Amino acid sequence: MKWTDSREIALALAEQYPEVDPRTVNFVDLYNWILQLPGFADDPKRCGEKILEAIQMAWIEETN
């Protein structure tokens, strides 16, 4: 997975953290959790706030 795979990352986060409400996750935790996902392989420096927002929104959509 790469930073641009927001839907795929959101699905992996929903599977990895089923008890977490994505609306309550701060960007620092979200960033660290993404880096730890199995199959994630992208440069940590290529992430920005807009990418994290897109991933969080996709995760919220998946949990609704």
C-alpha atoms as a PDB file:
ATOM      1  CA  MET A   1       0.000   0.000   0.000  1.00  0.00           C
ATOM      2  CA  LYS A   2       1.012   3.568  -0.685  1.00  0.00           C
ATOM      3  CA  TRP A   3      -0.211   6.834   0.830  1.00  0.00           C
ATOM      4  CA  THR A   4      -2.504   7.316  -2.181  1.00  0.00           C
ATOM      5  CA  ASP A   5      -4.373   4.062  -1.442  1.00  0.00           C
ATOM      6  CA  SER A   6      -6.713   5.735   1.024  1.00  0.00           C
ATOM      7  CA  ARG A   7      -9.587   3.260   0.615  1.00  0.00           C
ATOM      8  CA  GLU A   8      -7.306   0.233   1.009  1.00  0.00           C
ATOM      9  CA  ILE A   9      -5.613   1.795   4.050  1.00  0.00           C
ATOM     10  CA  ALA A  10      -9.021   2.605   5.565  1.00  0.00           C
ATOM     11  CA  LEU A  11     -10.138  -1.015   5.164  1.00  0.00           C
ATOM     12  CA  ALA A  12      -6.929  -2.248   6.788  1.00  0.00           C
ATOM     13  CA  LEU A  13      -7.342   0.186   9.689  1.00  0.00           C
ATOM     14  CA  ALA A  14     -10.973  -0.862  10.205  1.00  0.00           C
ATOM     15  CA  GLU A  15      -9.844  -4.487  10.331  1.00  0.00           C
ATOM     16  CA  GLN A  16      -6.842  -3.794  12.587  1.00  0.00           C
ATOM     17  CA  TYR A  17      -8.713  -1.463  14.995  1.00  0.00           C
ATOM     18  CA  PRO A  18     -12.394  -2.533  14.957  1.00  0.00           C
ATOM     19  CA  GLU A  19     -13.091  -1.020  18.392  1.00  0.00           C
ATOM     20  CA  VAL A  20     -11.782   2.454  17.449  1.00  0.00           C
ATOM     21  CA  ASP A  21     -14.064   5.270  16.320  1.00  0.00           C
ATOM     22  CA  PRO A  22     -12.059   6.886  13.489  1.00  0.00           C
ATOM     23  CA  ARG A  23     -13.551  10.295  14.322  1.00  0.00           C
ATOM     24  CA  THR A  24     -11.628  10.259  17.625  1.00  0.00           C
ATOM     25  CA  VAL A  25      -8.199   9.402  16.216  1.00  0.00           C
ATOM     26  CA  ASN A  26      -5.649  12.206  16.092  1.00  0.00           C
ATOM     27  CA  PHE A  27      -3.371  12.495  13.074  1.00  0.00           C
ATOM     28  CA  VAL A  28      -0.225  11.520  14.989  1.00  0.00           C
ATOM     29  CA  ASP A  29      -1.753   8.188  16.011  1.00  0.00           C
ATOM     30  CA  LEU A  30      -3.287   7.675  12.570  1.00  0.00           C
ATOM     31  CA  TYR A  31       0.068   8.289  10.895  1.00  0.00           C
ATOM     32  CA  ASN A  32       1.850   5.830  13.203  1.00  0.00           C
ATOM     33  CA  TRP A  33      -0.841   3.173  12.824  1.00  0.00           C
ATOM     34  CA  ILE A  34      -0.646   3.405   9.041  1.00  0.00           C
ATOM     35  CA  LEU A  35       3.137   2.975   9.092  1.00  0.00           C
ATOM     36  CA  GLN A  36       2.662  -0.211  11.138  1.00  0.00           C
ATOM     37  CA  LEU A  37       0.062  -1.774   8.831  1.00  0.00           C
ATOM     38  CA  PRO A  38       1.128  -5.029   7.183  1.00  0.00           C
ATOM     39  CA  GLY A  39       1.635  -4.370   3.499  1.00  0.00           C
ATOM     40  CA  PHE A  40       2.249  -0.643   3.852  1.00  0.00           C
ATOM     41  CA  ALA A  41       5.378   0.335   1.967  1.00  0.00           C
ATOM     42  CA  ASP A  42       5.793   4.010   1.192  1.00  0.00           C
ATOM     43  CA  ASP A  43       8.107   6.818   2.230  1.00  0.00           C
ATOM     44  CA  PRO A  44       6.913   8.173   5.611  1.00  0.00           C
ATOM     45  CA  LYS A  45       7.974  11.663   4.524  1.00  0.00           C
ATOM     46  CA  ARG A  46       5.494  11.672   1.621  1.00  0.00           C
ATOM     47  CA  CYS A  47       2.518  12.008   3.946  1.00  0.00           C
ATOM     48  CA  GLY A  48       0.760  15.268   4.703  1.00  0.00           C
ATOM     49  CA  GLU A  49      -2.356  16.479   6.450  1.00  0.00           C
ATOM     50  CA  LYS A  50      -4.529  16.197   3.322  1.00  0.00           C
ATOM     51  CA  ILE A  51      -3.564  12.544   2.880  1.00  0.00           C
ATOM     52  CA  LEU A  52      -4.370  11.761   6.508  1.00  0.00           C
ATOM     53  CA  GLU A  53      -7.708  13.578   6.165  1.00  0.00           C
ATOM     54  CA  ALA A  54      -8.595  11.511   3.094  1.00  0.00           C
ATOM     55  CA  ILE A  55      -7.694   8.277   4.866  1.00  0.00           C
ATOM     56  CA  GLN A  56      -9.655   9.244   7.990  1.00  0.00           C
ATOM     57  CA  MET A  57     -12.715  10.151   5.892  1.00  0.00           C
ATOM     58  CA  ALA A  58     -12.527   6.834   4.035  1.00  0.00           C
ATOM     59  CA  TRP A  59     -12.247   5.003   7.371  1.00  0.00           C
ATOM     60  CA  ILE A  60     -15.303   6.871   8.714  1.00  0.00           C
ATOM     61  CA  GLU A  61     -17.252   5.888   5.589  1.00  0.00           C
ATOM     62  CA  GLU A  62     -16.246   2.258   6.061  1.00  0.00           C
ATOM     63  CA  THR A  63     -17.491   2.187   9.644  1.00  0.00           C
ATOM     64  CA  ASN A  64     -20.876   3.745   8.828  1.00  0.00           C
END
